[in-house]
Amino acid sequence: MIFPRIAVSRPALWLAAATALASLPAVAHHGWSTYDETKPLTVTGKIVETHYENPHATIRVDVQGKRWLAVLAPVSRMESRGATAEKVAVGKQVTMVGYASKEKADEMRVERITFDGGQTVELR
């Protein structure tokens, strides 16, 4: 079988390659399959570290001698639901409901978070 030759300019080829590479992080960070949704867990503890930035806010929480990395929601969703940076500041107490990572013993994906004062926010 003979295939016709298609002329492609170098700039077009570079643009296609750059576009493909630029999309990789977007695909990579939405893989929730590494969290065990068959075993929900609830933990309560004190926030010791906060990263309130995209693609997902994260906090580290001390819970009975274990330090959890909690993956929250994108900042825009957090803000729109009242989960401001002030509410996830270092020193605050939180209760989180979510799923533990299958790969990292100290990481969880948070579905729901309750702050000091009793406000509960659904993150998904």
Protein backbone atom coordinates (compact mmCIF):
# COMPACT_ATOMS: atom_id res chain seq x y z
CA MET A 1 0.00 0.00 0.00
CA ILE A 2 1.29 3.44 -0.86
CA PHE A 3 0.55 6.37 1.42
CA PRO A 4 0.45 9.91 0.09
CA ARG A 5 3.11 12.23 1.42
CA ILE A 6 1.71 15.09 3.49
CA ALA A 7 3.72 18.28 3.72
CA VAL A 8 3.88 19.61 7.28
CA SER A 9 5.82 22.73 8.14
CA ARG A 10 8.27 22.64 11.02
CA PRO A 11 6.44 25.36 13.00
CA ALA A 12 3.20 23.35 12.75
CA LEU A 13 5.00 20.22 13.93
CA TRP A 14 6.54 22.08 16.90
CA LEU A 15 3.15 23.57 17.78
CA ALA A 16 1.53 20.13 17.76
CA ALA A 17 4.29 18.68 19.96
CA ALA A 18 4.12 21.59 22.43
CA THR A 19 0.34 21.31 22.68
CA ALA A 20 0.54 17.58 23.38
CA LEU A 21 3.18 18.06 26.09
CA ALA A 22 1.34 20.98 27.70
CA SER A 23 -1.78 18.87 28.18
CA LEU A 24 0.00 16.13 30.17
CA PRO A 25 -0.25 17.80 33.62
CA ALA A 26 -4.01 18.28 33.19
CA VAL A 27 -4.44 14.58 32.51
CA ALA A 28 -2.07 13.52 35.28
CA HIS A 29 -3.60 15.36 38.22
CA HIS A 30 -7.17 14.09 37.79
CA GLY A 31 -6.42 10.44 38.45
CA TRP A 32 -8.50 9.62 41.55
CA SER A 33 -8.11 5.86 41.05
CA THR A 34 -5.17 5.84 43.48
CA TYR A 35 -7.58 6.45 46.38
CA ASP A 36 -9.53 3.57 47.95
CA GLU A 37 -13.20 4.57 47.66
CA THR A 38 -14.30 1.29 49.25
CA LYS A 39 -12.97 2.37 52.66
CA PRO A 40 -14.09 5.87 53.66
CA LEU A 41 -12.37 7.29 56.73
CA THR A 42 -12.91 10.19 59.10
CA VAL A 43 -10.00 11.95 60.81
CA THR A 44 -9.84 14.96 63.12
CA GLY A 45 -6.72 16.95 63.78
CA LYS A 46 -4.82 20.21 63.79
CA ILE A 47 -3.53 21.82 60.57
CA VAL A 48 0.28 22.17 60.61
CA GLU A 49 0.88 23.19 56.96
CA THR A 50 -1.27 24.78 54.25
CA HIS A 51 -0.85 25.16 50.47
CA TYR A 52 -3.84 27.12 49.19
CA GLU A 53 -3.06 26.98 45.47
CA ASN A 54 -4.12 25.18 42.31
CA PRO A 55 -4.53 22.57 40.96
CA HIS A 56 -5.76 21.47 44.43
CA ALA A 57 -5.33 23.01 47.85
CA THR A 58 -3.56 20.72 50.32
CA ILE A 59 -3.10 20.70 54.06
CA ARG A 60 -1.02 18.61 56.45
CA VAL A 61 -2.89 17.60 59.57
CA ASP A 62 -1.58 16.00 62.76
CA VAL A 63 -3.94 13.20 63.79
CA GLN A 64 -3.05 11.11 66.87
CA GLY A 65 0.66 10.87 66.10
CA LYS A 66 0.24 10.57 62.33
CA ARG A 67 0.65 13.45 59.88
CA TRP A 68 -1.79 13.26 56.94
CA LEU A 69 -1.40 15.05 53.60
CA ALA A 70 -4.99 15.98 52.73
CA VAL A 71 -5.78 16.76 49.07
CA LEU A 72 -8.66 19.22 48.98
CA ALA A 73 -10.46 20.88 46.03
CA PRO A 74 -9.33 23.54 43.54
CA VAL A 75 -9.08 26.97 45.16
CA SER A 76 -11.97 28.41 43.11
CA ARG A 77 -14.31 25.68 44.38
CA MET A 78 -13.07 26.09 47.94
CA GLU A 79 -13.73 29.86 47.79
CA SER A 80 -17.18 29.51 46.22
CA ARG A 81 -18.25 27.10 48.98
CA GLY A 82 -16.89 29.19 51.84
CA ALA A 83 -13.72 27.19 52.49
CA THR A 84 -11.41 30.20 52.52
CA ALA A 85 -7.67 30.25 53.15
CA GLU A 86 -8.41 31.56 56.64
CA LYS A 87 -10.44 28.44 57.46
CA VAL A 88 -7.58 26.10 56.51
CA ALA A 89 -4.87 28.16 58.22
CA VAL A 90 -2.15 26.58 60.35
CA GLY A 91 -3.37 25.92 63.88
CA LYS A 92 -7.03 25.34 62.97
CA GLN A 93 -8.83 22.13 63.94
CA VAL A 94 -10.62 20.21 61.14
CA THR A 95 -12.53 16.97 60.68
CA MET A 96 -12.13 15.39 57.25
CA VAL A 97 -14.08 12.60 55.56
CA GLY A 98 -12.45 11.02 52.53
CA TYR A 99 -10.45 8.16 51.10
CA ALA A 100 -6.92 7.02 51.86
CA SER A 101 -4.36 6.70 49.10
CA LYS A 102 -3.60 3.17 47.91
CA GLU A 103 0.02 4.21 47.31
CA LYS A 104 0.93 6.60 50.15
CA ALA A 105 0.13 5.63 53.73
CA ASP A 106 -0.16 9.25 54.88
CA GLU A 107 -2.29 10.77 52.10
CA MET A 108 -6.04 11.14 51.68
CA ARG A 109 -8.47 12.73 49.21
CA VAL A 110 -10.95 14.79 51.21
CA GLU A 111 -14.61 14.73 50.17
CA ARG A 112 -16.01 16.73 53.09
CA ILE A 113 -14.35 19.00 55.65
CA THR A 114 -15.74 20.45 58.87
CA PHE A 115 -14.09 23.54 60.34
CA ASP A 116 -13.87 25.07 63.81
CA GLY A 117 -17.33 26.39 64.53
CA GLY A 118 -19.09 23.50 62.81
CA GLN A 119 -19.28 24.64 59.16
CA THR A 120 -19.17 21.61 56.84
CA VAL A 121 -18.17 21.96 53.17
CA GLU A 122 -18.63 19.34 50.44
CA LEU A 123 -15.55 19.47 48.21
CA ARG A 124 -16.58 17.22 45.31
